[in-house]
Amino acid sequence: MAAFLAADLASVGVNVVDATARGGTRLPTPAGPDRAAADAGRGQARVRDTVQGAPAVSSIIEHPDGRMVASTNARLDADPALAAGRLPGSVGVVLIDGHNPSLARAALTLGVPDVGGEDPFARLEARPPHPRILDGGSWKDWLAPLLGFVDVAVVSEDFAPPLFARPHGQQVADFLRGFGITRTVRTRGERPVQYWWDGLCGEVPVREVTGASTMGAGDAFHGAFAWAIERAGDQEPERLIRFASAVAAVSVSSFGTRQWLDSPKLAKIVRGW
């Protein structure tokens, strides 16, 4: 399965770096047109881990009233040093989901200037030139030490920090602000997306669509948001949210994970950006 996933990613120009501490098969780097496509995606390098055993897999059952997800977080040991030599020197944006904390930390500290002295907060305050975005689908116990390196948190309604059973959006934003995150976006399915952005707050309505499958909608939103913020900057949060929501809406309009990528609607949205 790992080889299948590696080949699938390579076919769409994703540069895969194997950082598994226990070895495994070194994954190939795309060549030819695929390599060119990977190089064109500046600032969107992604680190993935695999091993000779089976990778973590999520099982999703969709039904009229919602869906059920059976999933495990990353369980493999990873060594960021194995990936360090193959990461780009400069990027346009970093997007992490925190499933593997050691790799997430390596990505979040990419491009951070070296700081001397004994100040324990100096590394947190030394910002890289690119934005660092958290895909917060759910809370993970190891996230707390990473939050100080995050610039923008895009979380779901299921993101519940410690001591909060079912927090409302303001509580989540206040919690993240305690780690220095002043820009939080919170998705809520078909309800308006909430945001707290450098002292401003508001909601952006979500266009109602007839969904065929909600699988991957959150990933589509996060990916589109990162893509947009790398190209247009971070001064217009509502515009970023509208774009990401529109892409996510297209992603749920057809069954499966890939068919929507060839949609004329998606092409029109991207051209309009």
C-alpha atoms as a PDB file:
ATOM      1  CA  MET A   1       0.000   0.000   0.000  1.00  0.00           C
ATOM      2  CA  ALA A   2       2.858   2.392   0.790  1.00  0.00           C
ATOM      3  CA  ALA A   3       4.298   1.902  -2.701  1.00  0.00           C
ATOM      4  CA  PHE A   4       0.868   2.551  -4.242  1.00  0.00           C
ATOM      5  CA  LEU A   5       0.470   5.787  -2.292  1.00  0.00           C
ATOM      6  CA  ALA A   6       3.988   6.913  -3.199  1.00  0.00           C
ATOM      7  CA  ALA A   7       3.370   6.313  -6.896  1.00  0.00           C
ATOM      8  CA  ASP A   8       0.011   8.094  -6.708  1.00  0.00           C
ATOM      9  CA  LEU A   9       1.583  11.167  -5.116  1.00  0.00           C
ATOM     10  CA  ALA A  10       4.481  11.191  -7.557  1.00  0.00           C
ATOM     11  CA  SER A  11       2.059  11.094 -10.481  1.00  0.00           C
ATOM     12  CA  VAL A  12       0.624  14.477  -9.474  1.00  0.00           C
ATOM     13  CA  GLY A  13       3.976  16.108  -8.795  1.00  0.00           C
ATOM     14  CA  VAL A  14       4.209  15.798  -5.010  1.00  0.00           C
ATOM     15  CA  ASN A  15       7.811  15.496  -3.848  1.00  0.00           C
ATOM     16  CA  VAL A  16       7.744  12.706  -1.250  1.00  0.00           C
ATOM     17  CA  VAL A  17      10.459  12.466   1.396  1.00  0.00           C
ATOM     18  CA  ASP A  18      10.809   9.324   3.500  1.00  0.00           C
ATOM     19  CA  ALA A  19      11.610  10.228   7.106  1.00  0.00           C
ATOM     20  CA  THR A  20      10.768   6.958   8.848  1.00  0.00           C
ATOM     21  CA  ALA A  21      13.220   6.250  11.600  1.00  0.00           C
ATOM     22  CA  ARG A  22      12.894   2.488  11.200  1.00  0.00           C
ATOM     23  CA  GLY A  23      13.933   2.406   7.571  1.00  0.00           C
ATOM     24  CA  GLY A  24      11.678   1.202   4.801  1.00  0.00           C
ATOM     25  CA  THR A  25      11.781   1.784   1.090  1.00  0.00           C
ATOM     26  CA  ARG A  26      13.134   5.149  -0.017  1.00  0.00           C
ATOM     27  CA  LEU A  27      10.427   6.777  -2.071  1.00  0.00           C
ATOM     28  CA  PRO A  28      11.217   8.036  -5.557  1.00  0.00           C
ATOM     29  CA  THR A  29      11.449  11.677  -6.574  1.00  0.00           C
ATOM     30  CA  PRO A  30       9.296  12.583  -9.590  1.00  0.00           C
ATOM     31  CA  ALA A  31      11.167  12.811 -12.863  1.00  0.00           C
ATOM     32  CA  GLY A  32      10.480  14.461 -16.205  1.00  0.00           C
ATOM     33  CA  PRO A  33       7.197  16.387 -16.448  1.00  0.00           C
ATOM     34  CA  ASP A  34       6.214  15.279 -12.954  1.00  0.00           C
ATOM     35  CA  ARG A  35       9.439  16.755 -11.534  1.00  0.00           C
ATOM     36  CA  ALA A  36       8.763  19.986 -13.391  1.00  0.00           C
ATOM     37  CA  ALA A  37       5.276  20.091 -11.889  1.00  0.00           C
ATOM     38  CA  ALA A  38       6.746  19.518  -8.454  1.00  0.00           C
ATOM     39  CA  ASP A  39       9.275  22.323  -8.936  1.00  0.00           C
ATOM     40  CA  ALA A  40       6.466  24.613 -10.109  1.00  0.00           C
ATOM     41  CA  GLY A  41       4.706  24.106  -6.790  1.00  0.00           C
ATOM     42  CA  ARG A  42       7.243  26.290  -4.951  1.00  0.00           C
ATOM     43  CA  GLY A  43       6.640  26.529  -1.260  1.00  0.00           C
ATOM     44  CA  GLN A  44       4.353  23.528  -1.128  1.00  0.00           C
ATOM     45  CA  ALA A  45       6.824  20.779  -0.238  1.00  0.00           C
ATOM     46  CA  ARG A  46       5.200  18.148   1.893  1.00  0.00           C
ATOM     47  CA  VAL A  47       6.799  15.563   4.120  1.00  0.00           C
ATOM     48  CA  ARG A  48       5.191  12.159   4.265  1.00  0.00           C
ATOM     49  CA  ASP A  49       6.329   9.085   6.121  1.00  0.00           C
ATOM     50  CA  THR A  50       5.986   5.459   5.132  1.00  0.00           C
ATOM     51  CA  VAL A  51       7.485   2.154   6.169  1.00  0.00           C
ATOM     52  CA  GLN A  52       7.531  -1.456   5.064  1.00  0.00           C
ATOM     53  CA  GLY A  53       4.441  -2.043   7.181  1.00  0.00           C
ATOM     54  CA  ALA A  54       1.014  -0.601   6.422  1.00  0.00           C
ATOM     55  CA  PRO A  55       0.564   3.184   6.716  1.00  0.00           C
ATOM     56  CA  ALA A  56      -2.139   4.658   8.915  1.00  0.00           C
ATOM     57  CA  VAL A  57      -5.515   4.436   7.170  1.00  0.00           C
ATOM     58  CA  SER A  58      -8.823   6.130   7.946  1.00  0.00           C
ATOM     59  CA  SER A  59     -12.126   4.380   7.309  1.00  0.00           C
ATOM     60  CA  ILE A  60     -15.061   6.651   6.527  1.00  0.00           C
ATOM     61  CA  ILE A  61     -18.698   5.572   6.267  1.00  0.00           C
ATOM     62  CA  GLU A  62     -21.041   8.199   4.846  1.00  0.00           C
ATOM     63  CA  HIS A  63     -24.794   8.122   5.429  1.00  0.00           C
ATOM     64  CA  PRO A  64     -27.707  10.586   5.037  1.00  0.00           C
ATOM     65  CA  ASP A  65     -27.319  11.982   8.557  1.00  0.00           C
ATOM     66  CA  GLY A  66     -23.569  12.500   8.416  1.00  0.00           C
ATOM     67  CA  ARG A  67     -20.620  10.193   8.526  1.00  0.00           C
ATOM     68  CA  MET A  68     -18.624   7.967  10.846  1.00  0.00           C
ATOM     69  CA  VAL A  69     -14.823   8.042  10.868  1.00  0.00           C
ATOM     70  CA  ALA A  70     -12.545   5.372  12.298  1.00  0.00           C
ATOM     71  CA  SER A  71      -8.996   6.633  12.234  1.00  0.00           C
ATOM     72  CA  THR A  72      -5.676   6.516  14.027  1.00  0.00           C
ATOM     73  CA  ASN A  73      -3.114   9.272  14.204  1.00  0.00           C
ATOM     74  CA  ALA A  74       0.421   8.664  12.941  1.00  0.00           C
ATOM     75  CA  ARG A  75       2.020   5.809  14.883  1.00  0.00           C
ATOM     76  CA  LEU A  76       5.434   5.616  13.195  1.00  0.00           C
ATOM     77  CA  ASP A  77       8.660   7.008  14.577  1.00  0.00           C
ATOM     78  CA  ALA A  78      10.112   9.643  12.288  1.00  0.00           C
ATOM     79  CA  ASP A  79      13.533  11.248  12.167  1.00  0.00           C
ATOM     80  CA  PRO A  80      13.395  14.812  10.798  1.00  0.00           C
ATOM     81  CA  ALA A  81      17.126  14.640  10.079  1.00  0.00           C
ATOM     82  CA  LEU A  82      16.405  12.138   7.309  1.00  0.00           C
ATOM     83  CA  ALA A  83      14.297  14.762   5.540  1.00  0.00           C
ATOM     84  CA  ALA A  84      16.319  17.867   6.355  1.00  0.00           C
ATOM     85  CA  GLY A  85      18.660  17.579   3.410  1.00  0.00           C
ATOM     86  CA  ARG A  86      15.821  17.352   0.897  1.00  0.00           C
ATOM     87  CA  LEU A  87      13.682  20.231   2.128  1.00  0.00           C
ATOM     88  CA  PRO A  88      13.804  23.498   0.164  1.00  0.00           C
ATOM     89  CA  GLY A  89      15.753  26.409   1.533  1.00  0.00           C
ATOM     90  CA  SER A  90      12.831  28.790   1.100  1.00  0.00           C
ATOM     91  CA  VAL A  91       9.097  28.209   0.792  1.00  0.00           C
ATOM     92  CA  GLY A  92       5.973  30.244   0.224  1.00  0.00           C
ATOM     93  CA  VAL A  93       3.830  28.715   2.957  1.00  0.00           C
ATOM     94  CA  VAL A  94       3.923  25.840   5.442  1.00  0.00           C
ATOM     95  CA  LEU A  95       0.805  23.783   6.222  1.00  0.00           C
ATOM     96  CA  ILE A  96       0.941  21.158   8.969  1.00  0.00           C
ATOM     97  CA  ASP A  97      -1.683  18.981  10.607  1.00  0.00           C
ATOM     98  CA  GLY A  98       0.379  17.823  13.574  1.00  0.00           C
ATOM     99  CA  HIS A  99      -0.164  14.109  13.017  1.00  0.00           C
ATOM    100  CA  ASN A 100       3.558  13.515  13.421  1.00  0.00           C
ATOM    101  CA  PRO A 101       4.893  16.064  15.926  1.00  0.00           C
ATOM    102  CA  SER A 102       8.593  15.734  15.093  1.00  0.00           C
ATOM    103  CA  LEU A 103       7.992  16.310  11.380  1.00  0.00           C
ATOM    104  CA  ALA A 104       5.523  19.109  12.117  1.00  0.00           C
ATOM    105  CA  ARG A 105       8.103  20.868  14.267  1.00  0.00           C
ATOM    106  CA  ALA A 106      10.732  20.528  11.535  1.00  0.00           C
ATOM    107  CA  ALA A 107       8.330  22.094   9.030  1.00  0.00           C
ATOM    108  CA  LEU A 108       7.279  24.885  11.386  1.00  0.00           C
ATOM    109  CA  THR A 109      10.885  25.857  12.137  1.00  0.00           C
ATOM    110  CA  LEU A 110      11.938  25.789   8.476  1.00  0.00           C
ATOM    111  CA  GLY A 111      13.494  29.135   7.631  1.00  0.00           C
ATOM    112  CA  VAL A 112      13.480  30.387  11.230  1.00  0.00           C
ATOM    113  CA  PRO A 113      16.644  32.461  11.807  1.00  0.00           C
ATOM    114  CA  ASP A 114      19.207  31.067  14.222  1.00  0.00           C
ATOM    115  CA  VAL A 115      19.073  32.865  17.533  1.00  0.00           C
ATOM    116  CA  GLY A 116      21.638  32.856  20.255  1.00  0.00           C
ATOM    117  CA  GLY A 117      21.482  33.535  23.949  1.00  0.00           C
ATOM    118  CA  GLU A 118      19.606  31.795  26.717  1.00  0.00           C
ATOM    119  CA  ASP A 119      16.171  33.290  26.141  1.00  0.00           C
ATOM    120  CA  PRO A 120      13.805  30.259  25.926  1.00  0.00           C
ATOM    121  CA  PHE A 121      11.295  32.282  23.879  1.00  0.00           C
ATOM    122  CA  ALA A 122      13.753  33.637  21.318  1.00  0.00           C
ATOM    123  CA  ARG A 123      13.113  30.832  18.832  1.00  0.00           C
ATOM    124  CA  LEU A 124       9.363  31.351  19.098  1.00  0.00           C
ATOM    125  CA  GLU A 125       9.720  35.062  18.396  1.00  0.00           C
ATOM    126  CA  ALA A 126      12.087  34.586  15.440  1.00  0.00           C
ATOM    127  CA  ARG A 127       9.645  34.441  12.548  1.00  0.00           C
ATOM    128  CA  PRO A 128      10.377  33.051   9.083  1.00  0.00           C
ATOM    129  CA  PRO A 129       9.371  35.115   6.028  1.00  0.00           C
ATOM    130  CA  HIS A 130       6.493  32.769   5.167  1.00  0.00           C
ATOM    131  CA  PRO A 131       3.182  32.076   6.982  1.00  0.00           C
ATOM    132  CA  ARG A 132       2.764  28.840   8.955  1.00  0.00           C
ATOM    133  CA  ILE A 133      -0.735  27.378   8.968  1.00  0.00           C
ATOM    134  CA  LEU A 134      -2.226  24.717  11.239  1.00  0.00           C
ATOM    135  CA  ASP A 135      -4.807  22.290   9.893  1.00  0.00           C
ATOM    136  CA  GLY A 136      -6.637  21.679  13.164  1.00  0.00           C
ATOM    137  CA  GLY A 137      -9.226  19.057  12.377  1.00  0.00           C
ATOM    138  CA  SER A 138      -9.102  17.782  15.935  1.00  0.00           C
ATOM    139  CA  TRP A 139      -7.067  18.375  19.076  1.00  0.00           C
ATOM    140  CA  LYS A 140      -3.989  16.196  19.555  1.00  0.00           C
ATOM    141  CA  ASP A 141      -2.240  15.914  22.904  1.00  0.00           C
ATOM    142  CA  TRP A 142       1.164  16.834  21.454  1.00  0.00           C
ATOM    143  CA  LEU A 143      -0.020  20.041  19.765  1.00  0.00           C
ATOM    144  CA  ALA A 144       0.626  22.432  22.654  1.00  0.00           C
ATOM    145  CA  PRO A 145       4.444  22.691  22.192  1.00  0.00           C
ATOM    146  CA  LEU A 146       3.936  23.388  18.471  1.00  0.00           C
ATOM    147  CA  LEU A 147       1.324  26.146  18.714  1.00  0.00           C
ATOM    148  CA  GLY A 148       3.864  28.859  19.455  1.00  0.00           C
ATOM    149  CA  PHE A 149       5.272  28.367  15.950  1.00  0.00           C
ATOM    150  CA  VAL A 150       1.878  28.722  14.217  1.00  0.00           C
ATOM    151  CA  ASP A 151       0.783  31.984  12.578  1.00  0.00           C
ATOM    152  CA  VAL A 152      -2.704  31.015  11.366  1.00  0.00           C
ATOM    153  CA  ALA A 153      -4.905  28.275  12.837  1.00  0.00           C
ATOM    154  CA  VAL A 154      -7.639  26.890  10.589  1.00  0.00           C
ATOM    155  CA  VAL A 155      -9.651  24.587  12.813  1.00  0.00           C
ATOM    156  CA  SER A 156     -12.866  22.630  12.586  1.00  0.00           C
ATOM    157  CA  GLU A 157     -15.781  22.601  14.982  1.00  0.00           C
ATOM    158  CA  ASP A 158     -14.367  19.336  16.368  1.00  0.00           C
ATOM    159  CA  PHE A 159     -11.175  21.068  17.526  1.00  0.00           C
ATOM    160  CA  ALA A 160     -11.574  20.965  21.315  1.00  0.00           C
ATOM    161  CA  PRO A 161      -8.544  22.010  23.404  1.00  0.00           C
ATOM    162  CA  PRO A 162      -7.985  20.490  26.864  1.00  0.00           C
ATOM    163  CA  LEU A 163     -10.653  21.188  29.484  1.00  0.00           C
ATOM    164  CA  PHE A 164     -13.169  22.152  26.784  1.00  0.00           C
ATOM    165  CA  ALA A 165     -15.771  19.474  26.102  1.00  0.00           C
ATOM    166  CA  ARG A 166     -17.719  21.396  23.458  1.00  0.00           C
ATOM    167  CA  PRO A 167     -16.165  24.874  23.197  1.00  0.00           C
ATOM    168  CA  HIS A 168     -17.715  27.711  21.246  1.00  0.00           C
ATOM    169  CA  GLY A 169     -15.623  29.598  18.732  1.00  0.00           C
ATOM    170  CA  GLN A 170     -14.622  32.495  20.958  1.00  0.00           C
ATOM    171  CA  GLN A 171     -13.226  30.095  23.555  1.00  0.00           C
ATOM    172  CA  VAL A 172     -11.119  28.365  20.916  1.00  0.00           C
ATOM    173  CA  ALA A 173      -9.838  31.683  19.559  1.00  0.00           C
ATOM    174  CA  ASP A 174      -8.979  32.892  23.083  1.00  0.00           C
ATOM    175  CA  PHE A 175      -7.159  29.636  23.840  1.00  0.00           C
ATOM    176  CA  LEU A 176      -5.056  29.907  20.690  1.00  0.00           C
ATOM    177  CA  ARG A 177      -4.379  33.585  21.315  1.00  0.00           C
ATOM    178  CA  GLY A 178      -2.669  32.515  24.516  1.00  0.00           C
ATOM    179  CA  PHE A 179      -0.029  30.869  22.310  1.00  0.00           C
ATOM    180  CA  GLY A 180       0.395  34.012  20.218  1.00  0.00           C
ATOM    181  CA  ILE A 181      -1.969  32.950  17.411  1.00  0.00           C
ATOM    182  CA  THR A 182      -3.985  36.048  16.545  1.00  0.00           C
ATOM    183  CA  ARG A 183      -5.504  34.631  13.359  1.00  0.00           C
ATOM    184  CA  THR A 184      -7.982  31.796  13.734  1.00  0.00           C
ATOM    185  CA  VAL A 185     -10.489  30.472  11.198  1.00  0.00           C
ATOM    186  CA  ARG A 186     -13.131  27.951  12.309  1.00  0.00           C
ATOM    187  CA  THR A 187     -15.156  25.892   9.856  1.00  0.00           C
ATOM    188  CA  ARG A 188     -18.556  24.505  10.847  1.00  0.00           C
ATOM    189  CA  GLY A 189     -19.773  22.350   7.995  1.00  0.00           C
ATOM    190  CA  GLU A 190     -22.676  23.993   6.196  1.00  0.00           C
ATOM    191  CA  ARG A 191     -22.844  26.879   8.702  1.00  0.00           C
ATOM    192  CA  PRO A 192     -20.915  30.165   8.276  1.00  0.00           C
ATOM    193  CA  VAL A 193     -17.159  30.078   8.755  1.00  0.00           C
ATOM    194  CA  GLN A 194     -16.044  32.091  11.770  1.00  0.00           C
ATOM    195  CA  TYR A 195     -12.813  34.067  11.965  1.00  0.00           C
ATOM    196  CA  TRP A 196     -10.799  36.087  14.460  1.00  0.00           C
ATOM    197  CA  TRP A 197      -8.070  38.056  12.683  1.00  0.00           C
ATOM    198  CA  ASP A 198      -5.781  40.548  14.415  1.00  0.00           C
ATOM    199  CA  GLY A 199      -8.545  42.002  16.565  1.00  0.00           C
ATOM    200  CA  LEU A 200     -11.296  41.709  13.965  1.00  0.00           C
ATOM    201  CA  CYS A 201     -13.915  38.976  13.935  1.00  0.00           C
ATOM    202  CA  GLY A 202     -16.800  37.943  11.756  1.00  0.00           C
ATOM    203  CA  GLU A 203     -18.534  35.215   9.809  1.00  0.00           C
ATOM    204  CA  VAL A 204     -18.493  34.263   6.143  1.00  0.00           C
ATOM    205  CA  PRO A 205     -21.579  32.444   4.823  1.00  0.00           C
ATOM    206  CA  VAL A 206     -21.082  29.099   3.121  1.00  0.00           C
ATOM    207  CA  ARG A 207     -22.839  28.559  -0.179  1.00  0.00           C
ATOM    208  CA  GLU A 208     -25.380  25.752  -0.010  1.00  0.00           C
ATOM    209  CA  VAL A 209     -24.561  22.885  -2.375  1.00  0.00           C
ATOM    210  CA  THR A 210     -26.004  19.482  -3.078  1.00  0.00           C
ATOM    211  CA  GLY A 211     -23.216  17.319  -1.768  1.00  0.00           C
ATOM    212  CA  ALA A 212     -22.462  13.890  -3.162  1.00  0.00           C
ATOM    213  CA  SER A 213     -19.671  13.159  -0.682  1.00  0.00           C
ATOM    214  CA  THR A 214     -18.118  15.169   2.140  1.00  0.00           C
ATOM    215  CA  MET A 215     -14.937  13.098   2.127  1.00  0.00           C
ATOM    216  CA  GLY A 216     -11.888  15.349   2.075  1.00  0.00           C
ATOM    217  CA  ALA A 217     -13.851  18.608   2.244  1.00  0.00           C
ATOM    218  CA  GLY A 218     -11.767  19.875   5.146  1.00  0.00           C
ATOM    219  CA  ASP A 219      -8.527  18.990   3.382  1.00  0.00           C
ATOM    220  CA  ALA A 220      -9.749  20.814   0.264  1.00  0.00           C
ATOM    221  CA  PHE A 221     -10.519  23.897   2.373  1.00  0.00           C
ATOM    222  CA  HIS A 222      -7.120  23.869   4.094  1.00  0.00           C
ATOM    223  CA  GLY A 223      -5.214  23.289   0.872  1.00  0.00           C
ATOM    224  CA  ALA A 224      -7.072  26.032  -0.970  1.00  0.00           C
ATOM    225  CA  PHE A 225      -6.614  28.432   1.954  1.00  0.00           C
ATOM    226  CA  ALA A 226      -2.844  27.808   2.010  1.00  0.00           C
ATOM    227  CA  TRP A 227      -2.636  28.146  -1.779  1.00  0.00           C
ATOM    228  CA  ALA A 228      -4.491  31.455  -1.682  1.00  0.00           C
ATOM    229  CA  ILE A 229      -2.598  32.986   1.222  1.00  0.00           C
ATOM    230  CA  GLU A 230       0.732  32.174  -0.462  1.00  0.00           C
ATOM    231  CA  ARG A 231      -0.355  34.034  -3.584  1.00  0.00           C
ATOM    232  CA  ALA A 232      -2.362  36.942  -2.201  1.00  0.00           C
ATOM    233  CA  GLY A 233      -1.044  37.507   1.303  1.00  0.00           C
ATOM    234  CA  ASP A 234      -2.996  37.613   4.536  1.00  0.00           C
ATOM    235  CA  GLN A 235      -4.634  41.049   4.540  1.00  0.00           C
ATOM    236  CA  GLU A 236      -8.120  39.963   3.442  1.00  0.00           C
ATOM    237  CA  PRO A 237      -9.324  37.040   5.578  1.00  0.00           C
ATOM    238  CA  GLU A 238     -12.871  37.062   4.204  1.00  0.00           C
ATOM    239  CA  ARG A 239     -11.599  36.810   0.632  1.00  0.00           C
ATOM    240  CA  LEU A 240      -9.356  33.884   1.600  1.00  0.00           C
ATOM    241  CA  ILE A 241     -12.259  32.138   3.324  1.00  0.00           C
ATOM    242  CA  ARG A 242     -14.639  32.663   0.412  1.00  0.00           C
ATOM    243  CA  PHE A 243     -12.110  31.169  -1.996  1.00  0.00           C
ATOM    244  CA  ALA A 244     -11.365  28.147   0.220  1.00  0.00           C
ATOM    245  CA  SER A 245     -15.081  27.582   0.819  1.00  0.00           C
ATOM    246  CA  ALA A 246     -15.797  27.686  -2.911  1.00  0.00           C
ATOM    247  CA  VAL A 247     -13.104  25.088  -3.596  1.00  0.00           C
ATOM    248  CA  ALA A 248     -14.409  22.875  -0.779  1.00  0.00           C
ATOM    249  CA  ALA A 249     -17.945  23.187  -2.191  1.00  0.00           C
ATOM    250  CA  VAL A 250     -16.753  21.864  -5.540  1.00  0.00           C
ATOM    251  CA  SER A 251     -14.950  19.005  -3.787  1.00  0.00           C
ATOM    252  CA  VAL A 252     -18.175  17.693  -2.242  1.00  0.00           C
ATOM    253  CA  SER A 253     -20.168  17.899  -5.476  1.00  0.00           C
ATOM    254  CA  SER A 254     -18.987  14.536  -6.797  1.00  0.00           C
ATOM    255  CA  PHE A 255     -18.297  11.153  -5.271  1.00  0.00           C
ATOM    256  CA  GLY A 256     -14.698  10.144  -4.707  1.00  0.00           C
ATOM    257  CA  THR A 257     -11.482  12.014  -4.064  1.00  0.00           C
ATOM    258  CA  ARG A 258     -10.303  13.031  -7.555  1.00  0.00           C
ATOM    259  CA  GLN A 259     -13.164  13.558  -9.994  1.00  0.00           C
ATOM    260  CA  TRP A 260     -13.833  17.099  -8.799  1.00  0.00           C
ATOM    261  CA  LEU A 261     -10.287  18.199  -9.686  1.00  0.00           C
ATOM    262  CA  ASP A 262     -11.289  18.203 -13.362  1.00  0.00           C
ATOM    263  CA  SER A 263     -14.434  20.241 -12.735  1.00  0.00           C
ATOM    264  CA  PRO A 264     -14.930  23.335 -14.932  1.00  0.00           C
ATOM    265  CA  LYS A 265     -16.300  25.054 -11.815  1.00  0.00           C
ATOM    266  CA  LEU A 266     -12.977  24.589 -10.050  1.00  0.00           C
ATOM    267  CA  ALA A 267     -11.061  25.928 -13.032  1.00  0.00           C
ATOM    268  CA  LYS A 268     -13.301  29.008 -13.093  1.00  0.00           C
ATOM    269  CA  ILE A 269     -12.800  29.621  -9.353  1.00  0.00           C
ATOM    270  CA  VAL A 270      -9.026  29.405  -9.706  1.00  0.00           C
ATOM    271  CA  ARG A 271      -8.992  31.686 -12.750  1.00  0.00           C
ATOM    272  CA  GLY A 272     -11.074  34.227 -10.829  1.00  0.00           C
ATOM    273  CA  TRP A 273      -8.587  34.305  -8.024  1.00  0.00           C
END
